[in-house]
Amino acid sequence: MSGRLPASETVRMALTTLRGNRLRSLLTMLGIVIGNASVITLVGVGRGAQGLAEEQLSNLGANVLFVVPGNNDTRRRGVAFPKTLVLEDSDAIAEQVPSVKRVAPQISSSQVVQAGARSSSSSISGITPDFLPVRSFEIAQGRFISQNDLDAGRSVVVIGPDLRTKLFPNGNPIGERLRIRDQAFEVIGVMAPKGAVFGSNQDENAYIPLSTMVTRLTGRDPTYGISLSFISVEARDSASTGAAKFQITNLLRQRHNILRDDDFAVRSQKDALSIVGTITGGLTLMLAAIGGISLLVGGIGIMNIMLVSVSERTQEIGLRKALGARSGDVLQQFLVESLVLSSLGGAIGTATGLGTVAVIAALTPLPATIGLTTVLVTVGLSGSIGLFFGVVPARRAAHLDPIVALRSL
């Protein structure tokens, strides 16, 4: 009889040993299971958050730039819409910037909208007809605001689908009247669903002619004239967005007589995507690190149990060495047991994590996904942890003196 075993026999012996202590083996694997499941789930959630943000940004419209008032200091102080953009700026951009296709100035204000006994708080936007194509919105029912509505300052309103459900749950809203700040407006259209952008539900908004917004709701500032909340600008094509941004910036600097700090900012979808990518990428790494801590704890649990196993199997180790097993054979045996524990735990944890990601994607708006690379890295990491934390117990077993070990027989 020899103490030396082939590799296949070593694996079979490891499985037999682990089956002999099923409960202990399961509890030992639990840390690895939780760690793997946590890493995969949290990375999937992080990627889903990035995907959701990118999807919402795509809803802003194709090739769109946003000119917003105020500089970084005013935005940090919480001044939502400082009066540094006026309607004349929008007209100048439309007339003087060659790389621009359409311009849609906008004034936004939060108001209570009433229809009969029903009411709802909503964002009211004063817009022009170009708003629809610039922002890639669609009409589901009725019509949108026309140039005649804008020129005549008509009291007409187009409402989002969610606002329609709140105010007119049982009937056709077209032709009905609602009130905004005690001003009567006729409903002429209902928007198609658009969804949320950065947590703001676009489907609860209402849209009225910009001229009507000025005369009946916000008024004209005696110093600045018609102040805008922001200006949406559609470039001629995706290749023109950089040129449009440069030309708009230069034009507004000339119009505002700016020598140093800009009192406006021009933002593109690319800028927003870059910011979102940085934030969500950092968030995903943080979540993965949190899951990695669970893997570390699981590895410590494996080392602890393997040390106990070495103490319990002192006689077996001494007998194998007395029959000719080398220290390397004993080392291999305990490393294989540690690797089997971590690999099985990694496989179970991976399956659990993938299932959790699938459930999140199915039951929530978050498009949680996980890549094959992440799965392979996580499984490989769990196996590496088993080897790393199994080295100390395996070395202790390998260096046991067979004479001392056999004395306990």
Protein backbone atom coordinates (compact mmCIF):
# COMPACT_ATOMS: atom_id res chain seq x y z
CA MET A 1 0.00 0.00 0.00
CA SER A 2 1.38 3.41 -0.96
CA GLY A 3 0.59 6.81 0.51
CA ARG A 4 1.02 8.37 -2.90
CA LEU A 5 -2.20 8.83 -4.93
CA PRO A 6 -2.84 9.81 -8.56
CA ALA A 7 -4.55 13.16 -9.18
CA SER A 8 -7.95 11.59 -9.98
CA GLU A 9 -7.83 9.58 -6.77
CA THR A 10 -6.90 12.72 -4.83
CA VAL A 11 -10.00 14.50 -6.17
CA ARG A 12 -12.21 11.47 -5.41
CA MET A 13 -10.81 11.28 -1.90
CA ALA A 14 -11.43 15.01 -1.40
CA LEU A 15 -15.06 14.65 -2.46
CA THR A 16 -15.50 11.64 -0.19
CA THR A 17 -14.05 13.57 2.76
CA LEU A 18 -16.32 16.56 2.13
CA ARG A 19 -19.40 14.34 1.77
CA GLY A 20 -18.56 12.78 5.13
CA ASN A 21 -19.02 16.25 6.72
CA ARG A 22 -21.88 17.56 4.59
CA LEU A 23 -23.19 20.21 6.99
CA ARG A 24 -19.75 21.59 7.76
CA SER A 25 -18.85 21.64 4.07
CA LEU A 26 -22.07 23.48 3.17
CA LEU A 27 -21.54 26.06 5.90
CA THR A 28 -17.94 26.53 4.77
CA MET A 29 -19.03 27.07 1.17
CA LEU A 30 -21.71 29.55 2.25
CA GLY A 31 -19.27 32.46 2.41
CA ILE A 32 -18.07 31.79 -1.14
CA VAL A 33 -21.67 31.34 -2.33
CA ILE A 34 -22.71 34.69 -0.84
CA GLY A 35 -19.57 36.39 -2.13
CA ASN A 36 -19.99 35.19 -5.72
CA ALA A 37 -23.71 35.91 -5.75
CA SER A 38 -23.08 39.38 -4.33
CA VAL A 39 -20.41 40.28 -6.88
CA ILE A 40 -22.48 39.13 -9.86
CA THR A 41 -25.71 40.71 -8.57
CA LEU A 42 -24.12 44.04 -7.65
CA VAL A 43 -22.16 44.30 -10.90
CA GLY A 44 -25.34 43.44 -12.80
CA VAL A 45 -27.26 46.15 -10.94
CA GLY A 46 -24.48 48.66 -11.61
CA ARG A 47 -24.48 47.89 -15.32
CA GLY A 48 -28.26 48.06 -15.32
CA ALA A 49 -28.15 51.51 -13.76
CA GLN A 50 -25.73 52.65 -16.46
CA GLY A 51 -27.95 51.18 -19.17
CA LEU A 52 -31.03 52.87 -17.71
CA ALA A 53 -29.27 56.23 -17.60
CA GLU A 54 -28.11 55.87 -21.20
CA GLU A 55 -31.61 54.89 -22.28
CA GLN A 56 -33.06 57.96 -20.57
CA LEU A 57 -30.43 60.17 -22.21
CA SER A 58 -31.39 58.79 -25.61
CA ASN A 59 -34.93 60.01 -24.90
CA LEU A 60 -33.66 63.58 -24.92
CA GLY A 61 -33.49 63.52 -28.71
CA ALA A 62 -30.94 62.82 -31.43
CA ASN A 63 -28.03 65.22 -32.03
CA VAL A 64 -29.39 67.53 -29.33
CA LEU A 65 -27.45 70.19 -27.44
CA PHE A 66 -28.79 71.93 -24.36
CA VAL A 67 -27.92 75.53 -23.65
CA VAL A 68 -28.52 76.16 -19.96
CA PRO A 69 -28.28 79.47 -18.08
CA GLY A 70 -25.80 80.25 -15.30
CA ASN A 71 -22.24 79.14 -14.68
CA ASN A 72 -20.97 76.35 -12.42
CA ASP A 73 -21.01 78.63 -9.35
CA THR A 74 -24.68 79.54 -9.72
CA ARG A 75 -25.62 75.91 -10.22
CA ARG A 76 -23.67 74.89 -7.12
CA ARG A 77 -25.54 77.51 -5.11
CA GLY A 78 -28.80 75.92 -6.20
CA VAL A 79 -30.01 78.70 -8.53
CA ALA A 80 -32.08 76.57 -10.91
CA PHE A 81 -32.61 79.05 -13.77
CA PRO A 82 -30.58 82.27 -13.35
CA LYS A 83 -31.66 84.92 -15.87
CA THR A 84 -28.77 84.73 -18.32
CA LEU A 85 -30.60 83.30 -21.35
CA VAL A 86 -33.32 85.23 -23.17
CA LEU A 87 -35.51 84.59 -26.18
CA GLU A 88 -33.31 86.79 -28.36
CA ASP A 89 -30.41 84.36 -27.71
CA SER A 90 -32.53 81.52 -29.09
CA ASP A 91 -33.44 83.56 -32.18
CA ALA A 92 -29.78 84.44 -32.75
CA ILE A 93 -28.72 80.79 -32.56
CA ALA A 94 -31.40 79.81 -35.10
CA GLU A 95 -30.40 82.60 -37.50
CA GLN A 96 -26.61 82.75 -37.16
CA VAL A 97 -25.31 79.24 -36.42
CA PRO A 98 -24.98 77.31 -39.71
CA SER A 99 -24.55 73.87 -38.13
CA VAL A 100 -27.91 74.11 -36.33
CA LYS A 101 -31.06 72.60 -37.84
CA ARG A 102 -33.73 73.59 -35.32
CA VAL A 103 -33.91 75.54 -32.06
CA ALA A 104 -36.54 75.05 -29.34
CA PRO A 105 -36.55 77.64 -26.51
CA GLN A 106 -38.35 76.57 -23.35
CA ILE A 107 -39.71 78.11 -20.14
CA SER A 108 -40.60 75.65 -17.38
CA SER A 109 -42.59 76.21 -14.22
CA SER A 110 -44.14 73.88 -11.65
CA GLN A 111 -47.88 74.48 -11.30
CA VAL A 112 -51.03 72.77 -10.07
CA VAL A 113 -53.25 71.64 -12.94
CA GLN A 114 -56.99 71.19 -12.30
CA ALA A 115 -59.74 69.51 -14.30
CA GLY A 116 -63.06 69.52 -12.49
CA ALA A 117 -62.56 68.01 -9.05
CA ARG A 118 -59.23 66.43 -9.98
CA SER A 119 -55.85 68.13 -9.71
CA SER A 120 -52.18 67.28 -10.07
CA SER A 121 -48.85 69.04 -9.64
CA SER A 122 -47.11 69.20 -13.00
CA SER A 123 -44.24 70.84 -14.83
CA ILE A 124 -45.68 73.33 -17.31
CA SER A 125 -43.46 74.10 -20.30
CA GLY A 126 -43.87 77.03 -22.62
CA ILE A 127 -42.53 75.84 -25.96
CA THR A 128 -42.54 76.43 -29.72
CA PRO A 129 -43.64 74.00 -32.48
CA ASP A 130 -40.01 72.95 -33.05
CA PHE A 131 -39.99 71.32 -29.61
CA LEU A 132 -41.63 68.17 -31.01
CA PRO A 133 -38.99 67.26 -33.65
CA VAL A 134 -36.00 68.55 -31.66
CA ARG A 135 -36.80 66.45 -28.60
CA SER A 136 -38.14 63.47 -30.59
CA PHE A 137 -41.54 63.56 -28.91
CA GLU A 138 -44.64 62.15 -30.62
CA ILE A 139 -48.35 62.91 -30.45
CA ALA A 140 -50.66 60.03 -29.54
CA GLN A 141 -53.96 61.88 -29.78
CA GLY A 142 -55.10 65.22 -31.19
CA ARG A 143 -52.46 67.67 -32.41
CA PHE A 144 -49.44 69.58 -31.18
CA ILE A 145 -49.02 73.32 -30.71
CA SER A 146 -48.83 75.13 -34.09
CA GLN A 147 -47.19 78.36 -35.21
CA ASN A 148 -50.67 79.97 -35.34
CA ASP A 149 -51.18 79.04 -31.65
CA LEU A 150 -47.83 80.63 -30.85
CA ASP A 151 -48.44 83.81 -32.87
CA ALA A 152 -51.95 84.33 -31.47
CA GLY A 153 -51.00 83.42 -27.90
CA ARG A 154 -53.83 80.90 -27.68
CA SER A 155 -54.75 79.22 -24.41
CA VAL A 156 -54.24 75.66 -25.60
CA VAL A 157 -52.40 72.82 -23.89
CA VAL A 158 -50.96 69.43 -24.78
CA ILE A 159 -50.70 66.99 -21.87
CA GLY A 160 -48.59 63.92 -21.15
CA PRO A 161 -50.23 60.47 -20.98
CA ASP A 162 -49.82 60.11 -17.20
CA LEU A 163 -51.31 63.57 -16.62
CA ARG A 164 -54.22 62.61 -18.89
CA THR A 165 -54.84 59.49 -16.77
CA LYS A 166 -54.89 61.57 -13.58
CA LEU A 167 -57.16 64.34 -14.87
CA PHE A 168 -59.36 62.54 -17.42
CA PRO A 169 -59.40 58.87 -16.41
CA ASN A 170 -62.74 58.01 -17.99
CA GLY A 171 -63.05 60.06 -21.16
CA ASN A 172 -61.49 61.72 -24.19
CA PRO A 173 -59.64 64.85 -23.05
CA ILE A 174 -59.53 66.50 -26.49
CA GLY A 175 -61.64 69.65 -26.38
CA GLU A 176 -61.95 69.55 -22.59
CA ARG A 177 -60.76 72.41 -20.41
CA LEU A 178 -58.35 72.48 -17.52
CA ARG A 179 -57.04 75.26 -15.33
CA ILE A 180 -53.46 76.30 -14.65
CA ARG A 181 -53.11 78.97 -11.97
CA ASP A 182 -56.81 79.85 -12.44
CA GLN A 183 -56.28 80.29 -16.18
CA ALA A 184 -58.45 78.18 -18.50
CA PHE A 185 -56.79 76.13 -21.26
CA GLU A 186 -58.26 73.89 -23.94
CA VAL A 187 -56.71 70.44 -24.33
CA ILE A 188 -55.74 69.92 -27.98
CA GLY A 189 -53.47 66.89 -27.75
CA VAL A 190 -51.97 64.05 -25.72
CA MET A 191 -48.31 63.10 -25.97
CA ALA A 192 -47.13 59.55 -26.63
CA PRO A 193 -45.34 57.94 -23.65
CA LYS A 194 -41.76 59.17 -23.27
CA GLY A 195 -40.70 57.94 -19.85
CA ALA A 196 -38.41 59.45 -17.24
CA VAL A 197 -35.25 61.47 -17.73
CA PHE A 198 -33.00 61.71 -14.63
CA GLY A 199 -35.93 60.89 -12.36
CA SER A 200 -38.29 63.44 -13.93
CA ASN A 201 -41.34 61.81 -15.47
CA GLN A 202 -41.88 63.46 -18.85
CA ASP A 203 -45.32 61.86 -19.13
CA GLU A 204 -46.71 64.05 -16.34
CA ASN A 205 -45.79 67.33 -18.06
CA ALA A 206 -48.02 69.80 -19.89
CA TYR A 207 -47.04 72.02 -22.84
CA ILE A 208 -48.45 75.41 -23.84
CA PRO A 209 -47.33 78.04 -26.40
CA LEU A 210 -44.31 80.00 -25.18
CA SER A 211 -46.08 83.29 -25.90
CA THR A 212 -49.03 82.20 -23.74
CA MET A 213 -46.64 81.12 -20.99
CA VAL A 214 -45.18 84.63 -20.92
CA THR A 215 -48.44 86.58 -21.05
CA ARG A 216 -50.53 84.43 -18.72
CA LEU A 217 -48.19 82.62 -16.30
CA THR A 218 -44.58 83.83 -15.94
CA GLY A 219 -44.62 87.39 -17.31
CA ARG A 220 -41.87 89.40 -18.96
CA ASP A 221 -38.95 90.61 -16.86
CA PRO A 222 -38.59 94.40 -17.20
CA THR A 223 -34.78 94.14 -17.25
CA TYR A 224 -34.04 90.90 -19.06
CA GLY A 225 -37.10 90.50 -21.25
CA ILE A 226 -38.29 86.91 -21.82
CA SER A 227 -35.98 84.74 -19.72
CA LEU A 228 -35.64 81.10 -20.77
CA SER A 229 -35.16 78.01 -18.63
CA PHE A 230 -33.01 76.46 -21.35
CA ILE A 231 -32.69 76.09 -25.12
CA SER A 232 -32.75 72.75 -26.94
CA VAL A 233 -30.73 72.81 -30.15
CA GLU A 234 -30.73 70.12 -32.84
CA ALA A 235 -27.55 69.92 -34.89
CA ARG A 236 -27.78 69.07 -38.58
CA ASP A 237 -26.27 65.63 -37.93
CA SER A 238 -24.19 63.81 -35.33
CA ALA A 239 -20.96 64.98 -36.98
CA SER A 240 -22.06 68.62 -36.58
CA THR A 241 -22.64 68.57 -32.81
CA GLY A 242 -19.06 69.57 -32.00
CA ALA A 243 -19.12 72.45 -34.47
CA ALA A 244 -22.55 73.55 -33.25
CA LYS A 245 -21.36 73.58 -29.65
CA PHE A 246 -18.31 75.68 -30.58
CA GLN A 247 -20.31 78.14 -32.68
CA ILE A 248 -23.09 78.56 -30.09
CA THR A 249 -20.52 79.21 -27.36
CA ASN A 250 -18.76 81.90 -29.40
CA LEU A 251 -22.04 83.55 -30.42
CA LEU A 252 -23.38 83.77 -26.87
CA ARG A 253 -20.06 85.06 -25.55
CA GLN A 254 -20.27 87.90 -28.05
CA ARG A 255 -23.92 88.60 -27.28
CA HIS A 256 -23.34 88.60 -23.50
CA ASN A 257 -20.08 90.58 -23.71
CA ILE A 258 -18.23 87.87 -21.80
CA LEU A 259 -14.55 88.40 -21.13
CA ARG A 260 -13.90 85.75 -18.48
CA ASP A 261 -16.42 83.26 -17.03
CA ASP A 262 -19.36 82.14 -19.16
CA ASP A 263 -22.85 82.79 -17.78
CA PHE A 264 -24.21 79.79 -19.68
CA ALA A 265 -23.21 76.23 -20.55
CA VAL A 266 -23.66 74.11 -23.66
CA ARG A 267 -24.14 70.42 -22.91
CA SER A 268 -24.37 67.50 -25.33
CA GLN A 269 -25.53 63.94 -24.90
CA LYS A 270 -21.89 62.88 -25.19
CA ASP A 271 -21.01 65.07 -22.20
CA ALA A 272 -23.88 63.65 -20.20
CA LEU A 273 -23.02 60.07 -21.18
CA SER A 274 -19.41 60.64 -20.15
CA ILE A 275 -20.49 61.92 -16.74
CA VAL A 276 -22.99 59.09 -16.30
CA GLY A 277 -20.38 56.54 -17.39
CA THR A 278 -17.89 57.85 -14.84
CA ILE A 279 -20.43 57.83 -12.03
CA THR A 280 -21.95 54.44 -12.78
CA GLY A 281 -18.52 52.93 -13.47
CA GLY A 282 -17.33 54.06 -10.05
CA LEU A 283 -20.55 52.79 -8.50
CA THR A 284 -20.12 49.39 -10.16
CA LEU A 285 -16.54 49.11 -8.90
CA MET A 286 -17.65 50.03 -5.39
CA LEU A 287 -20.43 47.42 -5.48
CA ALA A 288 -18.01 44.80 -6.80
CA ALA A 289 -15.58 45.64 -3.98
CA ILE A 290 -18.37 45.15 -1.44
CA GLY A 291 -19.08 41.74 -2.94
CA GLY A 292 -15.35 41.01 -2.93
CA ILE A 293 -15.29 41.49 0.85
CA SER A 294 -17.80 38.64 1.12
CA LEU A 295 -15.47 36.47 -0.95
CA LEU A 296 -12.60 37.37 1.37
CA VAL A 297 -14.67 36.37 4.40
CA GLY A 298 -15.56 33.10 2.64
CA GLY A 299 -11.87 32.40 2.03
CA ILE A 300 -11.07 32.96 5.70
CA GLY A 301 -13.86 30.51 6.54
CA ILE A 302 -12.29 27.88 4.27
CA MET A 303 -8.88 28.35 5.91
CA ASN A 304 -10.41 28.02 9.35
CA ILE A 305 -12.23 24.79 8.53
CA MET A 306 -9.21 23.30 6.79
CA LEU A 307 -7.06 24.02 9.86
CA VAL A 308 -9.62 22.17 11.97
CA SER A 309 -9.58 19.34 9.44
CA VAL A 310 -5.78 19.06 9.71
CA SER A 311 -6.05 18.75 13.49
CA GLU A 312 -8.75 16.09 13.21
CA ARG A 313 -6.89 14.05 10.60
CA THR A 314 -3.44 13.97 12.20
CA GLN A 315 -3.45 10.16 12.39
CA GLU A 316 -4.44 9.82 8.71
CA ILE A 317 -1.61 12.15 7.69
CA GLY A 318 0.91 10.26 9.81
CA LEU A 319 -0.21 6.90 8.38
CA ARG A 320 0.05 8.16 4.77
CA LYS A 321 3.55 9.50 5.40
CA ALA A 322 4.59 6.24 7.07
CA LEU A 323 3.41 4.36 3.95
CA GLY A 324 5.55 6.52 1.66
CA ALA A 325 3.58 9.65 0.91
CA ARG A 326 5.72 12.72 0.44
CA SER A 327 5.00 16.11 1.95
CA GLY A 328 4.01 17.31 -1.55
CA ASP A 329 1.36 14.57 -1.76
CA VAL A 330 -0.23 15.64 1.52
CA LEU A 331 -0.01 19.29 0.45
CA GLN A 332 -1.77 18.42 -2.80
CA GLN A 333 -4.53 16.53 -1.00
CA PHE A 334 -5.52 19.45 1.23
CA LEU A 335 -5.17 22.01 -1.54
CA VAL A 336 -7.53 19.95 -3.71
CA GLU A 337 -10.06 19.79 -0.87
CA SER A 338 -9.86 23.54 -0.45
CA LEU A 339 -10.18 24.07 -4.21
CA VAL A 340 -13.20 21.77 -4.42
CA LEU A 341 -14.91 23.68 -1.61
CA SER A 342 -14.31 27.06 -3.20
CA SER A 343 -15.15 25.89 -6.75
CA LEU A 344 -18.44 24.30 -5.71
CA GLY A 345 -19.31 27.39 -3.69
CA GLY A 346 -18.36 29.59 -6.64
CA ALA A 347 -20.56 27.60 -9.02
CA ILE A 348 -23.57 27.74 -6.69
CA GLY A 349 -23.00 31.45 -6.00
CA THR A 350 -22.67 32.21 -9.71
CA ALA A 351 -25.94 30.43 -10.49
CA THR A 352 -27.65 32.30 -7.65
CA GLY A 353 -26.27 35.65 -8.82
CA LEU A 354 -27.33 35.06 -12.44
CA GLY A 355 -30.81 34.10 -11.27
CA THR A 356 -31.05 37.23 -9.13
CA VAL A 357 -29.95 39.44 -12.03
CA ALA A 358 -32.58 37.83 -14.27
CA VAL A 359 -35.30 38.42 -11.67
CA ILE A 360 -34.28 42.07 -11.22
CA ALA A 361 -34.34 42.61 -15.00
CA ALA A 362 -37.76 40.97 -15.28
CA LEU A 363 -39.51 42.65 -12.34
CA THR A 364 -38.01 46.16 -12.31
CA PRO A 365 -37.33 48.89 -14.89
CA LEU A 366 -33.60 48.34 -14.31
CA PRO A 367 -32.09 46.48 -17.29
CA ALA A 368 -29.69 44.49 -15.12
CA THR A 369 -27.21 42.47 -17.20
CA ILE A 370 -24.00 40.59 -16.61
CA GLY A 371 -21.23 39.81 -19.09
CA LEU A 372 -19.53 36.46 -19.62
CA THR A 373 -16.18 38.01 -18.71
CA THR A 374 -17.50 39.06 -15.29
CA VAL A 375 -18.84 35.55 -14.66
CA LEU A 376 -15.54 33.90 -15.64
CA VAL A 377 -13.50 36.34 -13.57
CA THR A 378 -15.72 35.81 -10.53
CA VAL A 379 -15.59 32.02 -10.79
CA GLY A 380 -11.82 32.14 -11.30
CA LEU A 381 -11.46 34.46 -8.32
CA SER A 382 -13.41 32.14 -6.05
CA GLY A 383 -11.18 29.21 -7.08
CA SER A 384 -8.06 31.31 -6.50
CA ILE A 385 -9.31 32.25 -3.06
CA GLY A 386 -9.68 28.55 -2.23
CA LEU A 387 -6.11 27.89 -3.26
CA PHE A 388 -4.75 30.96 -1.49
CA PHE A 389 -6.45 30.35 1.82
CA GLY A 390 -5.85 26.60 1.61
CA VAL A 391 -2.07 26.98 1.48
CA VAL A 392 -1.57 27.54 5.22
CA PRO A 393 -3.56 24.47 6.35
CA ALA A 394 -2.04 22.36 3.57
CA ARG A 395 1.51 23.37 4.52
CA ARG A 396 0.78 22.58 8.16
CA ALA A 397 -0.46 19.13 7.17
CA ALA A 398 2.50 18.55 4.85
CA HIS A 399 5.06 19.40 7.55
CA LEU A 400 3.60 17.16 10.25
CA ASP A 401 6.19 14.77 11.70
CA PRO A 402 4.85 11.24 10.96
CA ILE A 403 6.34 9.89 14.20
CA VAL A 404 4.52 12.51 16.28
CA ALA A 405 1.34 11.99 14.27
CA LEU A 406 1.35 8.23 14.76
CA ARG A 407 1.80 8.46 18.53
CA SER A 408 -1.90 9.33 18.86
CA LEU A 409 -2.92 5.97 17.37
